[in-house]
PDB file of all heavy atoms in Angstrom:
ATOM      1  N   GLN A   1     171.152 113.060 164.290  1.00  0.00           N
ATOM      2  CA  GLN A   1     170.118 112.585 163.318  1.00  0.00           C
ATOM      3  C   GLN A   1     169.984 111.025 163.255  1.00  0.00           C
ATOM      4  O   GLN A   1     168.945 110.548 163.138  1.00  0.00           O
ATOM      5  CB  GLN A   1     170.649 113.132 161.906  1.00  0.00           C
ATOM      6  CG  GLN A   1     170.540 114.425 161.561  1.00  0.00           C
ATOM      7  CD  GLN A   1     171.186 114.844 160.204  1.00  0.00           C
ATOM      8  OE1 GLN A   1     170.895 114.150 159.359  1.00  0.00           O
ATOM      9  NE2 GLN A   1     172.047 115.707 160.110  1.00  0.00           N
ATOM     10  N   LEU A   2     171.060 110.403 163.453  1.00  0.00           N
ATOM     11  CA  LEU A   2     171.119 108.874 163.354  1.00  0.00           C
ATOM     12  C   LEU A   2     171.255 108.314 164.792  1.00  0.00           C
ATOM     13  O   LEU A   2     171.521 106.983 164.890  1.00  0.00           O
ATOM     14  CB  LEU A   2     172.264 108.494 162.424  1.00  0.00           C
ATOM     15  CG  LEU A   2     172.107 108.983 160.948  1.00  0.00           C
ATOM     16  CD1 LEU A   2     173.329 108.313 160.271  1.00  0.00           C
ATOM     17  CD2 LEU A   2     170.855 108.585 160.397  1.00  0.00           C
ATOM     18  N   GLY A   3     171.131 109.065 165.727  1.00  0.00           N
ATOM     19  CA  GLY A   3     171.412 108.542 167.144  1.00  0.00           C
ATOM     20  C   GLY A   3     172.495 109.221 167.885  1.00  0.00           C
ATOM     21  O   GLY A   3     173.153 110.123 167.263  1.00  0.00           O
ATOM     22  N   ALA A   4     172.840 108.659 168.864  1.00  0.00           N
ATOM     23  CA  ALA A   4     174.030 109.247 169.674  1.00  0.00           C
ATOM     24  C   ALA A   4     174.492 108.140 170.653  1.00  0.00           C
ATOM     25  O   ALA A   4     173.818 107.127 170.824  1.00  0.00           O
ATOM     26  CB  ALA A   4     173.563 110.369 170.543  1.00  0.00           C
ATOM     27  N   GLY A   5     175.776 108.369 171.044  1.00  0.00           N
ATOM     28  CA  GLY A   5     176.274 107.331 172.064  1.00  0.00           C
ATOM     29  C   GLY A   5     176.345 105.915 171.668  1.00  0.00           C
ATOM     30  O   GLY A   5     176.675 105.602 170.525  1.00  0.00           O
ATOM     31  N   GLY A   6     175.792 104.950 172.488  1.00  0.00           N
ATOM     32  CA  GLY A   6     175.828 103.543 172.246  1.00  0.00           C
ATOM     33  C   GLY A   6     174.977 103.256 170.820  1.00  0.00           C
ATOM     34  O   GLY A   6     175.437 102.258 170.187  1.00  0.00           O
ATOM     35  N   ALA A   7     174.076 104.046 170.482  1.00  0.00           N
ATOM     36  CA  ALA A   7     173.237 103.671 169.338  1.00  0.00           C
ATOM     37  C   ALA A   7     174.255 103.861 168.145  1.00  0.00           C
ATOM     38  O   ALA A   7     174.085 103.203 167.069  1.00  0.00           O
ATOM     39  CB  ALA A   7     172.035 104.563 169.123  1.00  0.00           C
ATOM     40  N   LEU A   8     175.040 104.899 168.082  1.00  0.00           N
ATOM     41  CA  LEU A   8     175.940 105.062 166.991  1.00  0.00           C
ATOM     42  C   LEU A   8     176.986 103.995 166.928  1.00  0.00           C
ATOM     43  O   LEU A   8     177.397 103.570 165.865  1.00  0.00           O
ATOM     44  CB  LEU A   8     176.581 106.467 167.046  1.00  0.00           C
ATOM     45  CG  LEU A   8     175.627 107.764 166.758  1.00  0.00           C
ATOM     46  CD1 LEU A   8     176.449 109.003 166.862  1.00  0.00           C
ATOM     47  CD2 LEU A   8     175.044 107.590 165.366  1.00  0.00           C
ATOM     48  N   VAL A   9     177.577 103.602 168.019  1.00  0.00           N
ATOM     49  CA  VAL A   9     178.491 102.496 168.085  1.00  0.00           C
ATOM     50  C   VAL A   9     177.957 101.308 167.470  1.00  0.00           C
ATOM     51  O   VAL A   9     178.594 100.649 166.641  1.00  0.00           O
ATOM     52  CB  VAL A   9     178.918 102.361 169.513  1.00  0.00           C
ATOM     53  CG1 VAL A   9     180.081 101.238 169.663  1.00  0.00           C
ATOM     54  CG2 VAL A   9     179.495 103.467 170.259  1.00  0.00           C
ATOM     55  N   GLN A  10     176.767 101.017 167.795  1.00  0.00           N
ATOM     56  CA  GLN A  10     176.030  99.825 167.248  1.00  0.00           C
ATOM     57  C   GLN A  10     175.851  99.929 165.737  1.00  0.00           C
ATOM     58  O   GLN A  10     175.989  98.859 165.092  1.00  0.00           O
ATOM     59  CB  GLN A  10     174.636  99.768 167.953  1.00  0.00           C
ATOM     60  CG  GLN A  10     173.967  98.296 167.799  1.00  0.00           C
ATOM     61  CD  GLN A  10     172.770  98.070 168.624  1.00  0.00           C
ATOM     62  OE1 GLN A  10     172.254  99.132 169.109  1.00  0.00           O
ATOM     63  NE2 GLN A  10     172.463  96.847 168.893  1.00  0.00           N
ATOM     64  N   LYS A  11     175.489 101.019 165.262  1.00  0.00           N
ATOM     65  CA  LYS A  11     175.372 101.269 163.814  1.00  0.00           C
ATOM     66  C   LYS A  11     176.729 101.063 163.032  1.00  0.00           C
ATOM     67  O   LYS A  11     176.728 100.447 162.013  1.00  0.00           O
ATOM     68  CB  LYS A  11     174.778 102.682 163.543  1.00  0.00           C
ATOM     69  CG  LYS A  11     173.346 102.791 163.729  1.00  0.00           C
ATOM     70  CD  LYS A  11     172.821 104.166 163.453  1.00  0.00           C
ATOM     71  CE  LYS A  11     171.199 104.205 163.312  1.00  0.00           C
ATOM     72  NZ  LYS A  11     170.652 103.935 164.666  1.00  0.00           N
ATOM     73  N   VAL A  12     177.849 101.558 163.684  1.00  0.00           N
ATOM     74  CA  VAL A  12     179.201 101.349 163.065  1.00  0.00           C
ATOM     75  C   VAL A  12     179.519  99.894 163.064  1.00  0.00           C
ATOM     76  O   VAL A  12     179.915  99.313 162.077  1.00  0.00           O
ATOM     77  CB  VAL A  12     180.156 102.104 163.731  1.00  0.00           C
ATOM     78  CG1 VAL A  12     181.616 101.776 163.217  1.00  0.00           C
ATOM     79  CG2 VAL A  12     179.998 103.642 163.671  1.00  0.00           C
ATOM     80  N   GLN A  13     179.286  99.163 164.178  1.00  0.00           N
ATOM     81  CA  GLN A  13     179.594  97.741 164.329  1.00  0.00           C
ATOM     82  C   GLN A  13     178.893  96.958 163.154  1.00  0.00           C
ATOM     83  O   GLN A  13     179.227  96.048 162.738  1.00  0.00           O
ATOM     84  CB  GLN A  13     179.319  97.297 165.681  1.00  0.00           C
ATOM     85  CG  GLN A  13     179.888  95.853 165.975  1.00  0.00           C
ATOM     86  CD  GLN A  13     179.581  95.456 167.484  1.00  0.00           C
ATOM     87  OE1 GLN A  13     178.438  95.559 167.808  1.00  0.00           O
ATOM     88  NE2 GLN A  13     180.557  94.962 168.066  1.00  0.00           N
ATOM     89  N   GLY A  14     177.518  97.299 163.089  1.00  0.00           N
ATOM     90  CA  GLY A  14     176.634  96.648 162.149  1.00  0.00           C
ATOM     91  C   GLY A  14     176.895  96.895 160.730  1.00  0.00           C
ATOM     92  O   GLY A  14     176.276  96.306 159.812  1.00  0.00           O
ATOM     93  N   GLY A  15     177.597  97.978 160.477  1.00  0.00           N
ATOM     94  CA  GLY A  15     177.845  98.405 159.064  1.00  0.00           C
ATOM     95  C   GLY A  15     176.759  99.242 158.528  1.00  0.00           C
ATOM     96  O   GLY A  15     176.828  99.542 157.259  1.00  0.00           O
ATOM     97  N   THR A  16     175.726  99.716 159.304  1.00  0.00           N
ATOM     98  CA  THR A  16     174.785 100.560 158.798  1.00  0.00           C
ATOM     99  C   THR A  16     175.404 101.951 158.333  1.00  0.00           C
ATOM    100  O   THR A  16     174.856 102.436 157.373  1.00  0.00           O
ATOM    101  CB  THR A  16     173.632 100.838 159.908  1.00  0.00           C
ATOM    102  OG1 THR A  16     173.263  99.580 160.343  1.00  0.00           O
ATOM    103  CG2 THR A  16     172.600 101.595 159.442  1.00  0.00           C
ATOM    104  N   ILE A  17     176.350 102.426 159.075  1.00  0.00           N
ATOM    105  CA  ILE A  17     177.129 103.603 158.681  1.00  0.00           C
ATOM    106  C   ILE A  17     178.626 103.207 158.814  1.00  0.00           C
ATOM    107  O   ILE A  17     178.945 102.249 159.324  1.00  0.00           O
ATOM    108  CB  ILE A  17     176.731 104.783 159.611  1.00  0.00           C
ATOM    109  CG1 ILE A  17     177.035 104.383 161.080  1.00  0.00           C
ATOM    110  CG2 ILE A  17     175.417 105.261 159.436  1.00  0.00           C
ATOM    111  CD1 ILE A  17     176.839 105.657 162.136  1.00  0.00           C
ATOM    112  N   GLN A  18     179.310 104.028 158.043  1.00  0.00           N
ATOM    113  CA  GLN A  18     180.839 103.703 158.104  1.00  0.00           C
ATOM    114  C   GLN A  18     181.620 104.202 159.294  1.00  0.00           C
ATOM    115  O   GLN A  18     182.589 103.450 159.697  1.00  0.00           O
ATOM    116  CB  GLN A  18     181.434 104.231 156.681  1.00  0.00           C
ATOM    117  CG  GLN A  18     181.109 103.640 155.442  1.00  0.00           C
ATOM    118  CD  GLN A  18     179.573 103.908 155.142  1.00  0.00           C
ATOM    119  OE1 GLN A  18     179.184 104.996 155.101  1.00  0.00           O
ATOM    120  NE2 GLN A  18     178.870 102.796 154.664  1.00  0.00           N
ATOM    121  N   ALA A  19     181.207 105.329 159.766  1.00  0.00           N
ATOM    122  CA  ALA A  19     181.969 105.766 160.959  1.00  0.00           C
ATOM    123  C   ALA A  19     181.083 106.722 161.799  1.00  0.00           C
ATOM    124  O   ALA A  19     180.107 107.177 161.398  1.00  0.00           O
ATOM    125  CB  ALA A  19     183.280 106.611 160.477  1.00  0.00           C
ATOM    126  N   ALA A  20     181.473 106.875 163.031  1.00  0.00           N
ATOM    127  CA  ALA A  20     180.720 107.860 164.011  1.00  0.00           C
ATOM    128  C   ALA A  20     181.713 108.271 165.067  1.00  0.00           C
ATOM    129  O   ALA A  20     182.714 107.798 165.414  1.00  0.00           O
ATOM    130  CB  ALA A  20     179.531 107.132 164.598  1.00  0.00           C
ATOM    131  N   GLN A  21     181.286 109.467 165.701  1.00  0.00           N
ATOM    132  CA  GLN A  21     181.754 109.977 166.973  1.00  0.00           C
ATOM    133  C   GLN A  21     180.992 109.579 168.118  1.00  0.00           C
ATOM    134  O   GLN A  21     179.711 109.653 168.066  1.00  0.00           O
ATOM    135  CB  GLN A  21     181.935 111.394 166.800  1.00  0.00           C
ATOM    136  CG  GLN A  21     182.030 112.179 168.038  1.00  0.00           C
ATOM    137  CD  GLN A  21     180.576 112.520 168.777  1.00  0.00           C
ATOM    138  OE1 GLN A  21     179.644 112.861 168.115  1.00  0.00           O
ATOM    139  NE2 GLN A  21     180.483 112.307 170.071  1.00  0.00           N
ATOM    140  N   HIS A  22     181.675 109.159 169.183  1.00  0.00           N
ATOM    141  CA  HIS A  22     181.030 108.777 170.478  1.00  0.00           C
ATOM    142  C   HIS A  22     182.024 108.778 171.608  1.00  0.00           C
ATOM    143  O   HIS A  22     183.306 108.794 171.363  1.00  0.00           O
ATOM    144  CB  HIS A  22     180.351 107.325 170.343  1.00  0.00           C
ATOM    145  CG  HIS A  22     181.230 106.389 169.661  1.00  0.00           C
ATOM    146  ND1 HIS A  22     182.261 105.750 170.342  1.00  0.00           N
ATOM    147  CD2 HIS A  22     181.308 105.856 168.449  1.00  0.00           C
ATOM    148  CE1 HIS A  22     182.876 104.836 169.542  1.00  0.00           C
ATOM    149  NE2 HIS A  22     182.366 104.978 168.405  1.00  0.00           N
ATOM    150  N   SER A  23     181.574 108.778 172.823  1.00  0.00           N
ATOM    151  CA  SER A  23     182.520 108.803 173.918  1.00  0.00           C
ATOM    152  C   SER A  23     183.115 107.388 174.023  1.00  0.00           C
ATOM    153  O   SER A  23     182.554 106.418 173.670  1.00  0.00           O
ATOM    154  CB  SER A  23     181.753 109.303 175.215  1.00  0.00           C
ATOM    155  OG  SER A  23     180.875 108.091 175.673  1.00  0.00           O
ATOM    156  N   LEU A  24     184.218 107.267 174.731  1.00  0.00           N
ATOM    157  CA  LEU A  24     184.927 106.089 175.068  1.00  0.00           C
ATOM    158  C   LEU A  24     184.025 105.372 176.094  1.00  0.00           C
ATOM    159  O   LEU A  24     184.121 104.108 176.180  1.00  0.00           O
ATOM    160  CB  LEU A  24     186.270 106.362 175.519  1.00  0.00           C
ATOM    161  CG  LEU A  24     187.292 106.797 174.381  1.00  0.00           C
ATOM    162  CD1 LEU A  24     188.524 107.109 174.879  1.00  0.00           C
ATOM    163  CD2 LEU A  24     187.483 105.560 173.475  1.00  0.00           C
ATOM    164  N   SER A  25     183.349 106.122 176.907  1.00  0.00           N
ATOM    165  CA  SER A  25     182.425 105.441 177.909  1.00  0.00           C
ATOM    166  C   SER A  25     181.366 104.596 177.223  1.00  0.00           C
ATOM    167  O   SER A  25     180.968 103.498 177.604  1.00  0.00           O
ATOM    168  CB  SER A  25     181.889 106.462 178.892  1.00  0.00           C
ATOM    169  OG  SER A  25     182.882 107.061 179.764  1.00  0.00           O
ATOM    170  N   ASN A  26     180.729 105.194 176.175  1.00  0.00           N
ATOM    171  CA  ASN A  26     179.787 104.489 175.402  1.00  0.00           C
ATOM    172  C   ASN A  26     180.367 103.393 174.451  1.00  0.00           C
ATOM    173  O   ASN A  26     179.774 102.493 174.082  1.00  0.00           O
ATOM    174  CB  ASN A  26     179.085 105.536 174.459  1.00  0.00           C
ATOM    175  CG  ASN A  26     178.066 106.355 175.204  1.00  0.00           C
ATOM    176  OD1 ASN A  26     177.378 105.811 176.136  1.00  0.00           O
ATOM    177  ND2 ASN A  26     178.072 107.636 174.872  1.00  0.00           N
ATOM    178  N   PHE A  27     181.645 103.580 174.208  1.00  0.00           N
ATOM    179  CA  PHE A  27     182.397 102.543 173.406  1.00  0.00           C
ATOM    180  C   PHE A  27     182.716 101.309 174.233  1.00  0.00           C
ATOM    181  O   PHE A  27     182.731 100.158 173.783  1.00  0.00           O
ATOM    182  CB  PHE A  27     183.697 103.083 172.863  1.00  0.00           C
ATOM    183  CG  PHE A  27     184.293 102.396 171.621  1.00  0.00           C
ATOM    184  CD1 PHE A  27     183.471 101.684 170.810  1.00  0.00           C
ATOM    185  CD2 PHE A  27     185.495 102.690 171.333  1.00  0.00           C
ATOM    186  CE1 PHE A  27     184.103 101.108 169.807  1.00  0.00           C
ATOM    187  CE2 PHE A  27     186.082 102.115 170.177  1.00  0.00           C
ATOM    188  CZ  PHE A  27     185.347 101.308 169.259  1.00  0.00           C
ATOM    189  N   ALA A  28     182.884 101.525 175.515  1.00  0.00           N
ATOM    190  CA  ALA A  28     183.335 100.406 176.424  1.00  0.00           C
ATOM    191  C   ALA A  28     182.434  99.039 176.384  1.00  0.00           C
ATOM    192  O   ALA A  28     183.032  98.007 176.492  1.00  0.00           O
ATOM    193  CB  ALA A  28     183.402 100.924 177.861  1.00  0.00           C
ATOM    194  N   PRO A  29     181.180  99.255 176.359  1.00  0.00           N
ATOM    195  CA  PRO A  29     180.324  97.994 176.288  1.00  0.00           C
ATOM    196  C   PRO A  29     180.635  97.158 175.026  1.00  0.00           C
ATOM    197  O   PRO A  29     180.288  96.009 175.043  1.00  0.00           O
ATOM    198  CB  PRO A  29     178.909  98.516 176.356  1.00  0.00           C
ATOM    199  CG  PRO A  29     179.028  99.804 177.049  1.00  0.00           C
ATOM    200  CD  PRO A  29     180.264 100.518 176.499  1.00  0.00           C
ATOM    201  N   PHE A  30     181.176  97.753 173.970  1.00  0.00           N
ATOM    202  CA  PHE A  30     181.342  97.045 172.780  1.00  0.00           C
ATOM    203  C   PHE A  30     182.837  96.573 172.708  1.00  0.00           C
ATOM    204  O   PHE A  30     183.165  95.629 171.980  1.00  0.00           O
ATOM    205  CB  PHE A  30     181.065  97.868 171.576  1.00  0.00           C
ATOM    206  CG  PHE A  30     179.669  98.311 171.497  1.00  0.00           C
ATOM    207  CD1 PHE A  30     179.160  99.447 172.214  1.00  0.00           C
ATOM    208  CD2 PHE A  30     178.707  97.555 170.813  1.00  0.00           C
ATOM    209  CE1 PHE A  30     177.816  99.846 172.173  1.00  0.00           C
ATOM    210  CE2 PHE A  30     177.375  97.960 170.695  1.00  0.00           C
ATOM    211  CZ  PHE A  30     176.969  99.016 171.463  1.00  0.00           C
ATOM    212  N   ALA A  31     183.794  97.324 173.279  1.00  0.00           N
ATOM    213  CA  ALA A  31     185.239  97.116 173.327  1.00  0.00           C
ATOM    214  C   ALA A  31     185.762  97.513 174.720  1.00  0.00           C
ATOM    215  O   ALA A  31     186.269  98.577 174.907  1.00  0.00           O
ATOM    216  CB  ALA A  31     185.849  97.869 172.312  1.00  0.00           C
ATOM    217  N   SER A  32     185.709  96.722 175.644  1.00  0.00           N
ATOM    218  CA  SER A  32     185.762  96.937 177.088  1.00  0.00           C
ATOM    219  C   SER A  32     187.114  97.387 177.501  1.00  0.00           C
ATOM    220  O   SER A  32     187.148  98.298 178.361  1.00  0.00           O
ATOM    221  CB  SER A  32     185.453  95.649 177.948  1.00  0.00           C
ATOM    222  OG  SER A  32     186.330  94.601 177.637  1.00  0.00           O
ATOM    223  N   THR A  33     188.122  97.096 176.686  1.00  0.00           N
ATOM    224  CA  THR A  33     189.419  97.635 177.118  1.00  0.00           C
ATOM    225  C   THR A  33     189.606  99.136 177.137  1.00  0.00           C
ATOM    226  O   THR A  33     190.331  99.698 177.967  1.00  0.00           O
ATOM    227  CB  THR A  33     190.575  97.014 176.097  1.00  0.00           C
ATOM    228  OG1 THR A  33     190.226  95.597 176.077  1.00  0.00           O
ATOM    229  CG2 THR A  33     191.922  97.327 176.610  1.00  0.00           C
ATOM    230  N   VAL A  34     188.814  99.771 176.373  1.00  0.00           N
ATOM    231  CA  VAL A  34     188.986 101.338 176.239  1.00  0.00           C
ATOM    232  C   VAL A  34     188.423 101.954 177.624  1.00  0.00           C
ATOM    233  O   VAL A  34     188.781 103.020 177.907  1.00  0.00           O
ATOM    234  CB  VAL A  34     188.197 101.858 175.091  1.00  0.00           C
ATOM    235  CG1 VAL A  34     188.781 101.260 173.767  1.00  0.00           C
ATOM    236  CG2 VAL A  34     186.677 101.652 175.129  1.00  0.00           C
ATOM    237  N   ASP A  35     187.878 101.183 178.380  1.00  0.00           N
ATOM    238  CA  ASP A  35     187.259 101.704 179.744  1.00  0.00           C
ATOM    239  C   ASP A  35     188.415 102.104 180.636  1.00  0.00           C
ATOM    240  O   ASP A  35     188.206 102.718 181.630  1.00  0.00           O
ATOM    241  CB  ASP A  35     186.187 100.799 180.345  1.00  0.00           C
ATOM    242  CG  ASP A  35     185.377 101.521 181.241  1.00  0.00           C
ATOM    243  OD1 ASP A  35     185.150 102.718 181.004  1.00  0.00           O
ATOM    244  OD2 ASP A  35     184.723 100.821 182.126  1.00  0.00           O
ATOM    245  N   LEU A  36     189.639 101.674 180.352  1.00  0.00           N
ATOM    246  CA  LEU A  36     190.819 102.022 181.085  1.00  0.00           C
ATOM    247  C   LEU A  36     191.083 103.512 181.074  1.00  0.00           C
ATOM    248  O   LEU A  36     191.509 103.850 182.071  1.00  0.00           O
ATOM    249  CB  LEU A  36     192.129 101.352 180.347  1.00  0.00           C
ATOM    250  CG  LEU A  36     192.306  99.944 180.691  1.00  0.00           C
ATOM    251  CD1 LEU A  36     193.388  99.398 179.736  1.00  0.00           C
ATOM    252  CD2 LEU A  36     192.750  99.649 182.139  1.00  0.00           C
ATOM    253  N   ILE A  37     190.493 104.187 180.106  1.00  0.00           N
ATOM    254  CA  ILE A  37     190.569 105.692 179.981  1.00  0.00           C
ATOM    255  C   ILE A  37     189.797 106.314 181.258  1.00  0.00           C
ATOM    256  O   ILE A  37     190.232 107.342 181.843  1.00  0.00           O
ATOM    257  CB  ILE A  37     189.770 106.200 178.761  1.00  0.00           C
ATOM    258  CG1 ILE A  37     190.591 105.774 177.556  1.00  0.00           C
ATOM    259  CG2 ILE A  37     189.680 107.716 178.773  1.00  0.00           C
ATOM    260  CD1 ILE A  37     191.987 106.338 177.354  1.00  0.00           C
ATOM    261  N   ASN A  38     188.861 105.576 181.833  1.00  0.00           N
ATOM    262  CA  ASN A  38     188.104 106.155 183.039  1.00  0.00           C
ATOM    263  C   ASN A  38     188.787 105.853 184.378  1.00  0.00           C
ATOM    264  O   ASN A  38     188.183 106.136 185.397  1.00  0.00           O
ATOM    265  CB  ASN A  38     186.682 105.577 182.956  1.00  0.00           C
ATOM    266  CG  ASN A  38     185.758 106.210 181.807  1.00  0.00           C
ATOM    267  OD1 ASN A  38     185.962 107.433 181.546  1.00  0.00           O
ATOM    268  ND2 ASN A  38     184.998 105.474 181.241  1.00  0.00           N
ATOM    269  N   MET A  39     189.846 105.132 184.417  1.00  0.00           N
ATOM    270  CA  MET A  39     190.468 104.777 185.646  1.00  0.00           C
ATOM    271  C   MET A  39     191.069 106.080 186.163  1.00  0.00           C
ATOM    272  O   MET A  39     192.005 106.821 185.497  1.00  0.00           O
ATOM    273  CB  MET A  39     191.598 103.777 185.489  1.00  0.00           C
ATOM    274  CG  MET A  39     192.213 103.300 186.737  1.00  0.00           C
ATOM    275  SD  MET A  39     192.992 101.720 186.651  1.00  0.00           S
ATOM    276  CE  MET A  39     191.627 100.555 186.158  1.00  0.00           C
ATOM    277  N   PRO A  40     190.630 106.665 187.275  1.00  0.00           N
ATOM    278  CA  PRO A  40     190.972 107.840 187.831  1.00  0.00           C
ATOM    279  C   PRO A  40     192.572 108.193 187.976  1.00  0.00           C
ATOM    280  O   PRO A  40     193.211 107.325 188.525  1.00  0.00           O
ATOM    281  CB  PRO A  40     190.261 107.851 189.211  1.00  0.00           C
ATOM    282  CG  PRO A  40     189.198 106.951 189.062  1.00  0.00           C
ATOM    283  CD  PRO A  40     189.750 105.911 188.349  1.00  0.00           C
ATOM    284  N   TYR A  41     192.969 109.289 187.423  1.00  0.00           N
ATOM    285  CA  TYR A  41     194.201 109.848 187.382  1.00  0.00           C
ATOM    286  C   TYR A  41     195.277 109.020 186.542  1.00  0.00           C
ATOM    287  O   TYR A  41     196.459 109.326 186.603  1.00  0.00           O
ATOM    288  CB  TYR A  41     194.799 110.008 188.826  1.00  0.00           C
ATOM    289  CG  TYR A  41     194.005 111.099 189.484  1.00  0.00           C
ATOM    290  CD1 TYR A  41     192.923 110.892 190.349  1.00  0.00           C
ATOM    291  CD2 TYR A  41     194.306 112.426 189.295  1.00  0.00           C
ATOM    292  CE1 TYR A  41     192.197 111.859 190.818  1.00  0.00           C
ATOM    293  CE2 TYR A  41     193.545 113.430 189.709  1.00  0.00           C
ATOM    294  CZ  TYR A  41     192.438 113.163 190.580  1.00  0.00           C
ATOM    295  OH  TYR A  41     191.685 114.200 191.120  1.00  0.00           O
ATOM    296  N   LEU A  42     194.810 107.946 185.869  1.00  0.00           N
ATOM    297  CA  LEU A  42     195.637 107.295 184.888  1.00  0.00           C
ATOM    298  C   LEU A  42     195.993 108.275 183.784  1.00  0.00           C
ATOM    299  O   LEU A  42     197.130 108.429 183.304  1.00  0.00           O
ATOM    300  CB  LEU A  42     195.018 105.955 184.436  1.00  0.00           C
ATOM    301  CG  LEU A  42     195.843 105.424 183.214  1.00  0.00           C
ATOM    302  CD1 LEU A  42     197.103 104.900 183.702  1.00  0.00           C
ATOM    303  CD2 LEU A  42     194.966 104.167 182.575  1.00  0.00           C
ATOM    304  N   CYS A  43     194.977 108.903 183.109  1.00  0.00           N
ATOM    305  CA  CYS A  43     195.176 109.871 182.068  1.00  0.00           C
ATOM    306  C   CYS A  43     194.111 110.992 182.155  1.00  0.00           C
ATOM    307  O   CYS A  43     193.562 111.302 181.117  1.00  0.00           O
ATOM    308  CB  CYS A  43     195.094 109.125 180.751  1.00  0.00           C
ATOM    309  SG  CYS A  43     193.478 108.144 180.441  1.00  0.00           S
TER     310      CYS A  43
END
């Protein structure tokens, strides 16, 4: 209803909404360290 993926991350960061669900891949452009999750066979 309020968007998906990066659009929700942006809304949380800007305080438009208090919280949201999104993938860590979509989170990475805003908090790049979490992209470690996508390193093959690390986790």
